[in-house]
Amino acid sequence: MAKPLRFRVSNERWTEGRVRSDLLGPLDTNLGATMRRPWFKQPAGYEARRFEMNNGDIALFAWNGQGYWLGNTETPSALWRTEKYTFSQVPDRISEWAQRELLAQLHEESPWLAEYPTISHFFLPVLLSKDGRHTTREFLHDHAAGFPDADPEEGLQFYEEFLGTDALDDRYTMASKLGTSEHLNVGRMRSTMSEFTVAKMLHEAGYEVTPEIEVTTGHFIDFRADENGRGVLVEVTRPQPPAERAADSASKSIRETTETKVSGQLSEHEGGVALFVDCSSFADHHWETLLAERPEVRHRPAVVFRAWPDGRVEGYTKGSVPLDLPEGIETG
């Protein structure tokens, strides 16, 4: 499976003649390709070109001796042994030019995304990836970015506003979690967006949020929430609603899902991680049942909650959660 967009950097010498022979030539032979001048001004000190393939793929290349390649198409063999770098790991002038080109391409292909510039920018590595560009856009639009029974505009605006706070510095890591699969997996993508929902809750409570914390067991925990020099590890999970799984009740659904987390990466932490269980996929009657019963989730401390795209949050806790939580979450 192809990965999110990254630059390939070639330390060999490049000229326009070599660009035509070693890049355009193979692309044209295999896919049908046209090489054009870029849509926007070239990065200062570099020559740059766009490659547009007959199948809709695109690629960018800039060179000044050294070459920078970025695209959602096959990689010409002349670049196979090159190292890969994220947008933040190449010179700013290269990164800014390439992202401007790609955002314009994205908004030409999916004009509705132009209304959400922060989402477009943040998720650009997957929204224009080779395998995931169709499924990620379908998920954001047709599945309201993970909010069942919501209009796309509601779900998208919820995350547009949060990402606009710049609370998540590690853009590439978090964007990549949405995935680059050519097959739509709504459940997995909803689980990814639950991490953004929890990050929003923590940020609004005044915490600095750092994703993907490696611990001594060799696992990675979703977040560390820091305040005044004190950090709390946070793991997030999202049960499938009962109607979509073998579990025949809302309580059984969350217990089965959390059991996977507890018996795996949380088993050796002995309460050192706060578990957030996002039930935003549950229907109203299932959620009301959970609120009334407040079942255990086999881990403490834990937060069981449901969020809505208008910003409302409801839920309950199990054990002593060492974090400030939204007003709608009852402790006890």
C-alpha atoms as a PDB file:
ATOM      1  CA  MET A   1       0.000   0.000   0.000  1.00  0.00           C
ATOM      2  CA  ALA A   2       1.293   3.459  -0.881  1.00  0.00           C
ATOM      3  CA  LYS A   3       2.105   5.806   1.984  1.00  0.00           C
ATOM      4  CA  PRO A   4       1.146   9.457   2.561  1.00  0.00           C
ATOM      5  CA  LEU A   5       2.876  11.962   0.315  1.00  0.00           C
ATOM      6  CA  ARG A   6       6.562  12.519   1.001  1.00  0.00           C
ATOM      7  CA  PHE A   7       9.371  14.070  -0.978  1.00  0.00           C
ATOM      8  CA  ARG A   8      12.058  11.943  -2.559  1.00  0.00           C
ATOM      9  CA  VAL A   9      15.363  13.826  -2.519  1.00  0.00           C
ATOM     10  CA  SER A  10      18.011  13.010  -5.118  1.00  0.00           C
ATOM     11  CA  ASN A  11      21.579  14.165  -4.514  1.00  0.00           C
ATOM     12  CA  GLU A  12      22.565  13.478  -8.105  1.00  0.00           C
ATOM     13  CA  ARG A  13      22.928  16.213 -10.709  1.00  0.00           C
ATOM     14  CA  TRP A  14      19.777  17.143 -12.616  1.00  0.00           C
ATOM     15  CA  THR A  15      19.286  19.163 -15.791  1.00  0.00           C
ATOM     16  CA  GLU A  16      16.200  19.714 -17.902  1.00  0.00           C
ATOM     17  CA  GLY A  17      17.513  17.174 -20.390  1.00  0.00           C
ATOM     18  CA  ARG A  18      17.808  14.536 -17.702  1.00  0.00           C
ATOM     19  CA  VAL A  19      14.384  15.436 -16.321  1.00  0.00           C
ATOM     20  CA  ARG A  20      12.919  14.749 -19.770  1.00  0.00           C
ATOM     21  CA  SER A  21      14.793  11.494 -20.314  1.00  0.00           C
ATOM     22  CA  ASP A  22      14.722   9.950 -16.810  1.00  0.00           C
ATOM     23  CA  LEU A  23      11.409  11.218 -15.461  1.00  0.00           C
ATOM     24  CA  LEU A  24       9.066  12.257 -18.266  1.00  0.00           C
ATOM     25  CA  GLY A  25      10.163   9.438 -20.583  1.00  0.00           C
ATOM     26  CA  PRO A  26       9.267   6.486 -18.322  1.00  0.00           C
ATOM     27  CA  LEU A  27       6.086   8.167 -17.070  1.00  0.00           C
ATOM     28  CA  ASP A  28       4.888   8.832 -20.604  1.00  0.00           C
ATOM     29  CA  THR A  29       5.690   5.273 -21.691  1.00  0.00           C
ATOM     30  CA  ASN A  30       3.875   3.654 -18.778  1.00  0.00           C
ATOM     31  CA  LEU A  31       0.986   6.032 -18.082  1.00  0.00           C
ATOM     32  CA  GLY A  32       0.897   8.735 -20.718  1.00  0.00           C
ATOM     33  CA  ALA A  33       2.320  11.948 -19.250  1.00  0.00           C
ATOM     34  CA  THR A  34       2.695  15.624 -20.018  1.00  0.00           C
ATOM     35  CA  MET A  35       5.357  17.854 -18.478  1.00  0.00           C
ATOM     36  CA  ARG A  36       4.300  21.458 -17.878  1.00  0.00           C
ATOM     37  CA  ARG A  37       5.447  24.586 -16.139  1.00  0.00           C
ATOM     38  CA  PRO A  38       4.092  24.768 -12.577  1.00  0.00           C
ATOM     39  CA  TRP A  39       0.876  26.641 -11.863  1.00  0.00           C
ATOM     40  CA  PHE A  40       2.617  28.912  -9.357  1.00  0.00           C
ATOM     41  CA  LYS A  41       5.952  30.707  -9.267  1.00  0.00           C
ATOM     42  CA  GLN A  42       8.904  28.358  -9.002  1.00  0.00           C
ATOM     43  CA  PRO A  43      10.773  28.263  -5.681  1.00  0.00           C
ATOM     44  CA  ALA A  44      13.563  30.843  -5.734  1.00  0.00           C
ATOM     45  CA  GLY A  45      16.767  29.405  -7.153  1.00  0.00           C
ATOM     46  CA  TYR A  46      15.117  26.275  -8.590  1.00  0.00           C
ATOM     47  CA  GLU A  47      13.664  25.052 -11.852  1.00  0.00           C
ATOM     48  CA  ALA A  48      10.362  23.264 -11.388  1.00  0.00           C
ATOM     49  CA  ARG A  49       7.923  21.196 -13.461  1.00  0.00           C
ATOM     50  CA  ARG A  50       4.513  19.527 -13.140  1.00  0.00           C
ATOM     51  CA  PHE A  51       3.853  16.063 -14.538  1.00  0.00           C
ATOM     52  CA  GLU A  52       0.234  15.278 -15.363  1.00  0.00           C
ATOM     53  CA  MET A  53      -0.656  11.685 -16.156  1.00  0.00           C
ATOM     54  CA  ASN A  54      -3.547  10.475 -18.285  1.00  0.00           C
ATOM     55  CA  ASN A  55      -4.996   8.550 -15.312  1.00  0.00           C
ATOM     56  CA  GLY A  56      -5.247  11.706 -13.167  1.00  0.00           C
ATOM     57  CA  ASP A  57      -2.003  11.230 -11.229  1.00  0.00           C
ATOM     58  CA  ILE A  58       0.265  14.220 -10.748  1.00  0.00           C
ATOM     59  CA  ALA A  59       3.862  14.780  -9.686  1.00  0.00           C
ATOM     60  CA  LEU A  60       6.143  17.734  -9.028  1.00  0.00           C
ATOM     61  CA  PHE A  61       9.890  18.038  -9.461  1.00  0.00           C
ATOM     62  CA  ALA A  62      12.190  20.919  -8.542  1.00  0.00           C
ATOM     63  CA  TRP A  63      15.937  20.952  -9.037  1.00  0.00           C
ATOM     64  CA  ASN A  64      19.022  23.071  -8.669  1.00  0.00           C
ATOM     65  CA  GLY A  65      21.569  20.337  -9.111  1.00  0.00           C
ATOM     66  CA  GLN A  66      19.857  18.393  -6.282  1.00  0.00           C
ATOM     67  CA  GLY A  67      16.305  17.252  -7.077  1.00  0.00           C
ATOM     68  CA  TYR A  68      13.046  17.125  -5.088  1.00  0.00           C
ATOM     69  CA  TRP A  69      10.267  14.808  -6.300  1.00  0.00           C
ATOM     70  CA  LEU A  70       6.710  14.589  -4.929  1.00  0.00           C
ATOM     71  CA  GLY A  71       3.741  12.819  -6.451  1.00  0.00           C
ATOM     72  CA  ASN A  72       0.882  10.339  -6.207  1.00  0.00           C
ATOM     73  CA  THR A  73       2.013   8.312  -9.198  1.00  0.00           C
ATOM     74  CA  GLU A  74       4.596   5.628  -9.886  1.00  0.00           C
ATOM     75  CA  THR A  75       8.173   6.613  -9.077  1.00  0.00           C
ATOM     76  CA  PRO A  76      10.591   6.602 -12.046  1.00  0.00           C
ATOM     77  CA  SER A  77      13.459   4.165 -11.517  1.00  0.00           C
ATOM     78  CA  ALA A  78      16.020   7.007 -11.445  1.00  0.00           C
ATOM     79  CA  LEU A  79      14.558   7.953  -8.040  1.00  0.00           C
ATOM     80  CA  TRP A  80      14.064   4.502  -6.514  1.00  0.00           C
ATOM     81  CA  ARG A  81      17.030   4.629  -4.129  1.00  0.00           C
ATOM     82  CA  THR A  82      16.370   8.122  -2.815  1.00  0.00           C
ATOM     83  CA  GLU A  83      15.507   9.002   0.791  1.00  0.00           C
ATOM     84  CA  LYS A  84      12.003  10.189   1.696  1.00  0.00           C
ATOM     85  CA  TYR A  85      11.176  13.350   3.659  1.00  0.00           C
ATOM     86  CA  THR A  86       8.003  14.996   4.973  1.00  0.00           C
ATOM     87  CA  PHE A  87       6.910  18.539   4.134  1.00  0.00           C
ATOM     88  CA  SER A  88       8.675  19.911   7.205  1.00  0.00           C
ATOM     89  CA  GLN A  89      11.977  18.170   6.421  1.00  0.00           C
ATOM     90  CA  VAL A  90      12.804  19.908   3.144  1.00  0.00           C
ATOM     91  CA  PRO A  91      13.696  23.578   2.534  1.00  0.00           C
ATOM     92  CA  ASP A  92      10.770  25.916   3.227  1.00  0.00           C
ATOM     93  CA  ARG A  93      10.760  27.357  -0.282  1.00  0.00           C
ATOM     94  CA  ILE A  94      10.374  23.851  -1.762  1.00  0.00           C
ATOM     95  CA  SER A  95       7.735  22.778   0.727  1.00  0.00           C
ATOM     96  CA  GLU A  96       5.644  25.945   0.417  1.00  0.00           C
ATOM     97  CA  TRP A  97       5.689  25.870  -3.384  1.00  0.00           C
ATOM     98  CA  ALA A  98       4.753  22.193  -3.547  1.00  0.00           C
ATOM     99  CA  GLN A  99       1.921  22.524  -1.051  1.00  0.00           C
ATOM    100  CA  ARG A 100       0.530  25.510  -2.941  1.00  0.00           C
ATOM    101  CA  GLU A 101       0.517  23.472  -6.145  1.00  0.00           C
ATOM    102  CA  LEU A 102      -1.078  20.465  -4.451  1.00  0.00           C
ATOM    103  CA  LEU A 103      -3.752  22.441  -2.628  1.00  0.00           C
ATOM    104  CA  ALA A 104      -4.792  24.055  -5.895  1.00  0.00           C
ATOM    105  CA  GLN A 105      -4.959  20.591  -7.469  1.00  0.00           C
ATOM    106  CA  LEU A 106      -6.987  19.250  -4.541  1.00  0.00           C
ATOM    107  CA  HIS A 107      -9.508  22.091  -4.701  1.00  0.00           C
ATOM    108  CA  GLU A 108      -9.851  21.751  -8.451  1.00  0.00           C
ATOM    109  CA  GLU A 109     -10.647  18.053  -8.054  1.00  0.00           C
ATOM    110  CA  SER A 110     -12.866  18.493  -4.946  1.00  0.00           C
ATOM    111  CA  PRO A 111     -14.121  22.103  -4.816  1.00  0.00           C
ATOM    112  CA  TRP A 112     -16.070  21.521  -1.583  1.00  0.00           C
ATOM    113  CA  LEU A 113     -12.789  21.143   0.296  1.00  0.00           C
ATOM    114  CA  ALA A 114     -11.869  24.745  -0.522  1.00  0.00           C
ATOM    115  CA  GLU A 115     -14.358  25.786   2.167  1.00  0.00           C
ATOM    116  CA  TYR A 116     -12.177  23.994   4.731  1.00  0.00           C
ATOM    117  CA  PRO A 117      -8.647  25.303   4.141  1.00  0.00           C
ATOM    118  CA  THR A 118      -7.251  24.039   7.444  1.00  0.00           C
ATOM    119  CA  ILE A 119      -8.528  20.493   6.894  1.00  0.00           C
ATOM    120  CA  SER A 120      -7.217  20.647   3.318  1.00  0.00           C
ATOM    121  CA  HIS A 121      -3.770  21.688   4.494  1.00  0.00           C
ATOM    122  CA  PHE A 122      -3.557  19.376   7.507  1.00  0.00           C
ATOM    123  CA  PHE A 123      -4.678  16.229   5.680  1.00  0.00           C
ATOM    124  CA  LEU A 124      -2.986  17.061   2.378  1.00  0.00           C
ATOM    125  CA  PRO A 125      -0.502  14.132   2.676  1.00  0.00           C
ATOM    126  CA  VAL A 126      -3.418  11.676   2.494  1.00  0.00           C
ATOM    127  CA  LEU A 127      -6.003  13.684   0.535  1.00  0.00           C
ATOM    128  CA  LEU A 128      -3.655  13.554  -2.465  1.00  0.00           C
ATOM    129  CA  SER A 129      -1.941  10.240  -1.704  1.00  0.00           C
ATOM    130  CA  LYS A 130      -1.700   7.554  -4.367  1.00  0.00           C
ATOM    131  CA  ASP A 131      -4.123   5.024  -2.872  1.00  0.00           C
ATOM    132  CA  GLY A 132      -6.081   7.080  -0.344  1.00  0.00           C
ATOM    133  CA  ARG A 133      -7.089  10.221  -2.177  1.00  0.00           C
ATOM    134  CA  HIS A 134     -10.548   8.922  -3.060  1.00  0.00           C
ATOM    135  CA  THR A 135     -11.397   7.111   0.188  1.00  0.00           C
ATOM    136  CA  THR A 136     -10.273   9.917   2.495  1.00  0.00           C
ATOM    137  CA  ARG A 137     -12.345  12.492   0.641  1.00  0.00           C
ATOM    138  CA  GLU A 138     -15.343  10.141   0.584  1.00  0.00           C
ATOM    139  CA  PHE A 139     -15.052   9.629   4.339  1.00  0.00           C
ATOM    140  CA  LEU A 140     -14.805  13.331   5.135  1.00  0.00           C
ATOM    141  CA  HIS A 141     -17.724  14.302   2.908  1.00  0.00           C
ATOM    142  CA  ASP A 142     -20.102  11.335   2.767  1.00  0.00           C
ATOM    143  CA  HIS A 143     -19.547  10.264   6.380  1.00  0.00           C
ATOM    144  CA  ALA A 144     -19.332  13.758   7.923  1.00  0.00           C
ATOM    145  CA  ALA A 145     -15.736  13.196   9.106  1.00  0.00           C
ATOM    146  CA  GLY A 146     -16.957  10.446  11.432  1.00  0.00           C
ATOM    147  CA  PHE A 147     -20.149  11.902  12.929  1.00  0.00           C
ATOM    148  CA  PRO A 148     -23.092   9.579  12.140  1.00  0.00           C
ATOM    149  CA  ASP A 149     -26.365  11.259  11.223  1.00  0.00           C
ATOM    150  CA  ALA A 150     -24.679  14.650  10.812  1.00  0.00           C
ATOM    151  CA  ASP A 151     -24.450  16.877   7.776  1.00  0.00           C
ATOM    152  CA  PRO A 152     -20.970  16.957   6.209  1.00  0.00           C
ATOM    153  CA  GLU A 153     -20.732  20.668   6.915  1.00  0.00           C
ATOM    154  CA  GLU A 154     -21.287  20.103  10.648  1.00  0.00           C
ATOM    155  CA  GLY A 155     -18.631  17.429  11.001  1.00  0.00           C
ATOM    156  CA  LEU A 156     -16.103  19.231   8.849  1.00  0.00           C
ATOM    157  CA  GLN A 157     -16.575  22.555  10.638  1.00  0.00           C
ATOM    158  CA  PHE A 158     -16.024  20.839  13.998  1.00  0.00           C
ATOM    159  CA  TYR A 159     -12.543  19.705  12.963  1.00  0.00           C
ATOM    160  CA  GLU A 160     -11.806  22.801  10.866  1.00  0.00           C
ATOM    161  CA  GLU A 161     -12.138  24.965  13.961  1.00  0.00           C
ATOM    162  CA  PHE A 162     -10.036  22.654  16.121  1.00  0.00           C
ATOM    163  CA  LEU A 163      -7.205  22.243  13.620  1.00  0.00           C
ATOM    164  CA  GLY A 164      -7.148  26.011  13.245  1.00  0.00           C
ATOM    165  CA  THR A 165      -5.868  26.250  16.831  1.00  0.00           C
ATOM    166  CA  ASP A 166      -2.583  24.550  15.802  1.00  0.00           C
ATOM    167  CA  ALA A 167      -2.861  22.341  18.883  1.00  0.00           C
ATOM    168  CA  LEU A 168      -1.331  19.403  16.997  1.00  0.00           C
ATOM    169  CA  ASP A 169       2.163  20.270  15.831  1.00  0.00           C
ATOM    170  CA  ASP A 170       2.942  16.813  14.456  1.00  0.00           C
ATOM    171  CA  ARG A 171       0.809  17.195  11.363  1.00  0.00           C
ATOM    172  CA  TYR A 172       2.306  14.339   9.365  1.00  0.00           C
ATOM    173  CA  THR A 173       1.879  11.739  12.122  1.00  0.00           C
ATOM    174  CA  MET A 174      -1.728  12.659  12.818  1.00  0.00           C
ATOM    175  CA  ALA A 175      -2.763  13.121   9.184  1.00  0.00           C
ATOM    176  CA  SER A 176      -1.242   9.755   8.291  1.00  0.00           C
ATOM    177  CA  LYS A 177      -3.513   8.012  10.789  1.00  0.00           C
ATOM    178  CA  LEU A 178      -6.486   8.657   8.536  1.00  0.00           C
ATOM    179  CA  GLY A 179      -4.866   6.219   6.135  1.00  0.00           C
ATOM    180  CA  THR A 180      -4.043   5.772   2.478  1.00  0.00           C
ATOM    181  CA  SER A 181      -6.042   2.643   1.668  1.00  0.00           C
ATOM    182  CA  GLU A 182      -7.908   2.425  -1.617  1.00  0.00           C
ATOM    183  CA  HIS A 183     -10.682   0.560   0.245  1.00  0.00           C
ATOM    184  CA  LEU A 184     -12.981   2.609   2.468  1.00  0.00           C
ATOM    185  CA  ASN A 185     -12.969   1.505   6.123  1.00  0.00           C
ATOM    186  CA  VAL A 186     -15.419   3.776   7.897  1.00  0.00           C
ATOM    187  CA  GLY A 187     -14.958   2.161  11.311  1.00  0.00           C
ATOM    188  CA  ARG A 188     -11.191   2.577  11.304  1.00  0.00           C
ATOM    189  CA  MET A 189     -11.409   6.147  10.031  1.00  0.00           C
ATOM    190  CA  ARG A 190     -13.977   7.055  12.701  1.00  0.00           C
ATOM    191  CA  SER A 191     -11.559   5.694  15.294  1.00  0.00           C
ATOM    192  CA  THR A 192      -8.864   7.972  13.931  1.00  0.00           C
ATOM    193  CA  MET A 193     -11.113  11.006  14.191  1.00  0.00           C
ATOM    194  CA  SER A 194     -11.871  10.070  17.806  1.00  0.00           C
ATOM    195  CA  GLU A 195      -8.229  10.886  18.542  1.00  0.00           C
ATOM    196  CA  PHE A 196      -8.791  14.364  17.120  1.00  0.00           C
ATOM    197  CA  THR A 197     -11.954  14.724  19.223  1.00  0.00           C
ATOM    198  CA  VAL A 198     -10.103  13.791  22.422  1.00  0.00           C
ATOM    199  CA  ALA A 199      -7.195  16.071  21.484  1.00  0.00           C
ATOM    200  CA  LYS A 200      -9.735  18.898  21.108  1.00  0.00           C
ATOM    201  CA  MET A 201     -11.196  18.179  24.560  1.00  0.00           C
ATOM    202  CA  LEU A 202      -7.740  18.179  26.145  1.00  0.00           C
ATOM    203  CA  HIS A 203      -6.650  21.335  24.321  1.00  0.00           C
ATOM    204  CA  GLU A 204      -9.768  23.206  25.383  1.00  0.00           C
ATOM    205  CA  ALA A 205      -9.084  22.132  28.975  1.00  0.00           C
ATOM    206  CA  GLY A 206      -5.694  23.841  28.790  1.00  0.00           C
ATOM    207  CA  TYR A 207      -3.380  20.889  28.128  1.00  0.00           C
ATOM    208  CA  GLU A 208      -0.513  20.716  25.671  1.00  0.00           C
ATOM    209  CA  VAL A 209      -1.128  17.618  23.575  1.00  0.00           C
ATOM    210  CA  THR A 210       1.717  15.491  22.188  1.00  0.00           C
ATOM    211  CA  PRO A 211       0.814  12.460  20.042  1.00  0.00           C
ATOM    212  CA  GLU A 212       2.393   9.007  19.786  1.00  0.00           C
ATOM    213  CA  ILE A 213       4.262   8.599  23.054  1.00  0.00           C
ATOM    214  CA  GLU A 214       6.578   5.577  23.140  1.00  0.00           C
ATOM    215  CA  VAL A 215       6.614   3.790  26.491  1.00  0.00           C
ATOM    216  CA  THR A 216       8.980   1.243  27.998  1.00  0.00           C
ATOM    217  CA  THR A 217       6.810  -1.696  26.937  1.00  0.00           C
ATOM    218  CA  GLY A 218       7.547  -0.861  23.312  1.00  0.00           C
ATOM    219  CA  HIS A 219       3.991   0.338  22.666  1.00  0.00           C
ATOM    220  CA  PHE A 220       2.905   3.785  21.572  1.00  0.00           C
ATOM    221  CA  ILE A 221       0.222   5.583  23.579  1.00  0.00           C
ATOM    222  CA  ASP A 222      -1.990   8.011  21.643  1.00  0.00           C
ATOM    223  CA  PHE A 223      -1.223  11.196  23.631  1.00  0.00           C
ATOM    224  CA  ARG A 224       0.458  12.822  26.559  1.00  0.00           C
ATOM    225  CA  ALA A 225      -1.480  15.736  28.048  1.00  0.00           C
ATOM    226  CA  ASP A 226       0.879  18.185  29.782  1.00  0.00           C
ATOM    227  CA  GLU A 227       0.119  21.005  32.182  1.00  0.00           C
ATOM    228  CA  ASN A 228       2.536  22.804  34.505  1.00  0.00           C
ATOM    229  CA  GLY A 229       5.226  20.179  34.040  1.00  0.00           C
ATOM    230  CA  ARG A 230       2.907  17.250  34.770  1.00  0.00           C
ATOM    231  CA  GLY A 231       1.967  14.787  32.057  1.00  0.00           C
ATOM    232  CA  VAL A 232      -0.852  12.238  31.780  1.00  0.00           C
ATOM    233  CA  LEU A 233      -0.851   9.457  29.177  1.00  0.00           C
ATOM    234  CA  VAL A 234      -4.101   9.096  27.209  1.00  0.00           C
ATOM    235  CA  GLU A 235      -5.283   6.236  25.016  1.00  0.00           C
ATOM    236  CA  VAL A 236      -8.400   6.471  22.813  1.00  0.00           C
ATOM    237  CA  THR A 237     -10.721   3.763  21.529  1.00  0.00           C
ATOM    238  CA  ARG A 238     -14.041   3.856  19.663  1.00  0.00           C
ATOM    239  CA  PRO A 239     -16.470   0.920  19.877  1.00  0.00           C
ATOM    240  CA  GLN A 240     -18.618   0.061  16.901  1.00  0.00           C
ATOM    241  CA  PRO A 241     -22.303   0.571  17.702  1.00  0.00           C
ATOM    242  CA  PRO A 242     -24.190  -2.613  18.684  1.00  0.00           C
ATOM    243  CA  ALA A 243     -26.119  -2.786  15.412  1.00  0.00           C
ATOM    244  CA  GLU A 244     -22.840  -3.155  13.502  1.00  0.00           C
ATOM    245  CA  ARG A 245     -21.205  -5.878  15.584  1.00  0.00           C
ATOM    246  CA  ALA A 246     -21.947  -9.228  17.192  1.00  0.00           C
ATOM    247  CA  ALA A 247     -22.363  -7.648  20.632  1.00  0.00           C
ATOM    248  CA  ASP A 248     -26.060  -7.483  21.455  1.00  0.00           C
ATOM    249  CA  SER A 249     -25.991  -4.547  23.856  1.00  0.00           C
ATOM    250  CA  ALA A 250     -24.308  -1.191  24.241  1.00  0.00           C
ATOM    251  CA  SER A 251     -22.634  -2.296  27.477  1.00  0.00           C
ATOM    252  CA  LYS A 252     -21.245  -5.455  25.928  1.00  0.00           C
ATOM    253  CA  SER A 253     -20.045  -3.458  22.932  1.00  0.00           C
ATOM    254  CA  ILE A 254     -17.851  -1.111  24.944  1.00  0.00           C
ATOM    255  CA  ARG A 255     -16.577  -3.917  27.205  1.00  0.00           C
ATOM    256  CA  GLU A 256     -15.489  -6.043  24.257  1.00  0.00           C
ATOM    257  CA  THR A 257     -13.761  -3.131  22.536  1.00  0.00           C
ATOM    258  CA  THR A 258     -11.918  -1.929  25.626  1.00  0.00           C
ATOM    259  CA  GLU A 259     -10.880  -5.484  26.479  1.00  0.00           C
ATOM    260  CA  THR A 260      -8.735  -5.458  23.339  1.00  0.00           C
ATOM    261  CA  LYS A 261      -6.927  -2.350  24.537  1.00  0.00           C
ATOM    262  CA  VAL A 262      -6.644  -3.495  28.141  1.00  0.00           C
ATOM    263  CA  SER A 263      -5.273  -6.944  27.335  1.00  0.00           C
ATOM    264  CA  GLY A 264      -2.803  -5.452  24.871  1.00  0.00           C
ATOM    265  CA  GLN A 265      -0.953  -2.187  25.161  1.00  0.00           C
ATOM    266  CA  LEU A 266      -2.496  -1.111  28.489  1.00  0.00           C
ATOM    267  CA  SER A 267      -1.975  -4.392  30.348  1.00  0.00           C
ATOM    268  CA  GLU A 268       1.421  -3.454  31.760  1.00  0.00           C
ATOM    269  CA  HIS A 269       0.662   0.101  32.855  1.00  0.00           C
ATOM    270  CA  GLU A 270      -1.463  -0.674  35.923  1.00  0.00           C
ATOM    271  CA  GLY A 271      -3.692   2.387  35.705  1.00  0.00           C
ATOM    272  CA  GLY A 272      -0.977   4.686  34.412  1.00  0.00           C
ATOM    273  CA  VAL A 273      -2.973   5.560  31.301  1.00  0.00           C
ATOM    274  CA  ALA A 274      -6.343   7.316  31.099  1.00  0.00           C
ATOM    275  CA  LEU A 275      -8.580   5.479  28.631  1.00  0.00           C
ATOM    276  CA  PHE A 276     -11.086   7.553  26.625  1.00  0.00           C
ATOM    277  CA  VAL A 277     -13.933   5.499  25.105  1.00  0.00           C
ATOM    278  CA  ASP A 278     -15.668   7.442  22.326  1.00  0.00           C
ATOM    279  CA  CYS A 279     -19.257   6.319  21.818  1.00  0.00           C
ATOM    280  CA  SER A 280     -20.102   8.987  19.241  1.00  0.00           C
ATOM    281  CA  SER A 281     -21.176   6.280  16.771  1.00  0.00           C
ATOM    282  CA  PHE A 282     -23.938   5.026  19.081  1.00  0.00           C
ATOM    283  CA  ALA A 283     -27.591   5.736  18.392  1.00  0.00           C
ATOM    284  CA  ASP A 284     -29.440   7.887  20.924  1.00  0.00           C
ATOM    285  CA  HIS A 285     -31.189   4.972  22.666  1.00  0.00           C
ATOM    286  CA  HIS A 286     -27.969   2.995  23.035  1.00  0.00           C
ATOM    287  CA  TRP A 287     -26.177   5.997  24.448  1.00  0.00           C
ATOM    288  CA  GLU A 288     -29.003   6.718  26.895  1.00  0.00           C
ATOM    289  CA  THR A 289     -28.757   3.109  28.088  1.00  0.00           C
ATOM    290  CA  LEU A 290     -25.036   3.511  28.717  1.00  0.00           C
ATOM    291  CA  LEU A 291     -25.541   6.734  30.659  1.00  0.00           C
ATOM    292  CA  ALA A 292     -28.169   5.064  32.824  1.00  0.00           C
ATOM    293  CA  GLU A 293     -26.180   1.863  33.462  1.00  0.00           C
ATOM    294  CA  ARG A 294     -22.638   3.314  33.495  1.00  0.00           C
ATOM    295  CA  PRO A 295     -21.046  -0.078  32.929  1.00  0.00           C
ATOM    296  CA  GLU A 296     -17.428  -0.860  33.768  1.00  0.00           C
ATOM    297  CA  VAL A 297     -14.935  -0.923  30.902  1.00  0.00           C
ATOM    298  CA  ARG A 298     -12.265  -3.147  32.571  1.00  0.00           C
ATOM    299  CA  HIS A 299      -9.827  -0.280  32.961  1.00  0.00           C
ATOM    300  CA  ARG A 300      -9.438   2.603  35.365  1.00  0.00           C
ATOM    301  CA  PRO A 301      -9.192   5.521  35.055  1.00  0.00           C
ATOM    302  CA  ALA A 302     -11.548   5.725  32.089  1.00  0.00           C
ATOM    303  CA  VAL A 303     -13.800   8.288  30.413  1.00  0.00           C
ATOM    304  CA  VAL A 304     -16.812   7.046  28.462  1.00  0.00           C
ATOM    305  CA  PHE A 305     -18.230   9.857  26.334  1.00  0.00           C
ATOM    306  CA  ARG A 306     -20.209  10.894  23.310  1.00  0.00           C
ATOM    307  CA  ALA A 307     -19.531  14.048  21.277  1.00  0.00           C
ATOM    308  CA  TRP A 308     -21.657  15.998  18.817  1.00  0.00           C
ATOM    309  CA  PRO A 309     -20.433  18.307  16.050  1.00  0.00           C
ATOM    310  CA  ASP A 310     -22.034  21.316  17.754  1.00  0.00           C
ATOM    311  CA  GLY A 311     -19.486  20.920  20.547  1.00  0.00           C
ATOM    312  CA  ARG A 312     -21.647  19.167  23.146  1.00  0.00           C
ATOM    313  CA  VAL A 313     -20.059  16.345  25.138  1.00  0.00           C
ATOM    314  CA  GLU A 314     -21.730  13.907  27.543  1.00  0.00           C
ATOM    315  CA  GLY A 315     -20.264  11.053  29.512  1.00  0.00           C
ATOM    316  CA  TYR A 316     -19.154   9.488  32.767  1.00  0.00           C
ATOM    317  CA  THR A 317     -15.906   8.371  34.378  1.00  0.00           C
ATOM    318  CA  LYS A 318     -14.670   5.236  36.092  1.00  0.00           C
ATOM    319  CA  GLY A 319     -11.904   5.707  38.634  1.00  0.00           C
ATOM    320  CA  SER A 320     -10.096   8.949  39.368  1.00  0.00           C
ATOM    321  CA  VAL A 321      -9.241  10.632  36.072  1.00  0.00           C
ATOM    322  CA  PRO A 322      -6.338  13.069  36.631  1.00  0.00           C
ATOM    323  CA  LEU A 323      -7.542  15.474  33.960  1.00  0.00           C
ATOM    324  CA  ASP A 324      -9.984  18.368  33.699  1.00  0.00           C
ATOM    325  CA  LEU A 325     -12.978  17.266  31.636  1.00  0.00           C
ATOM    326  CA  PRO A 326     -15.878  19.022  29.849  1.00  0.00           C
ATOM    327  CA  GLU A 327     -18.878  19.954  31.999  1.00  0.00           C
ATOM    328  CA  GLY A 328     -21.076  17.325  30.359  1.00  0.00           C
ATOM    329  CA  ILE A 329     -18.940  14.467  31.702  1.00  0.00           C
ATOM    330  CA  GLU A 330     -20.016  13.427  35.190  1.00  0.00           C
ATOM    331  CA  THR A 331     -17.313  12.142  37.518  1.00  0.00           C
ATOM    332  CA  GLY A 332     -17.854   9.467  40.091  1.00  0.00           C
END
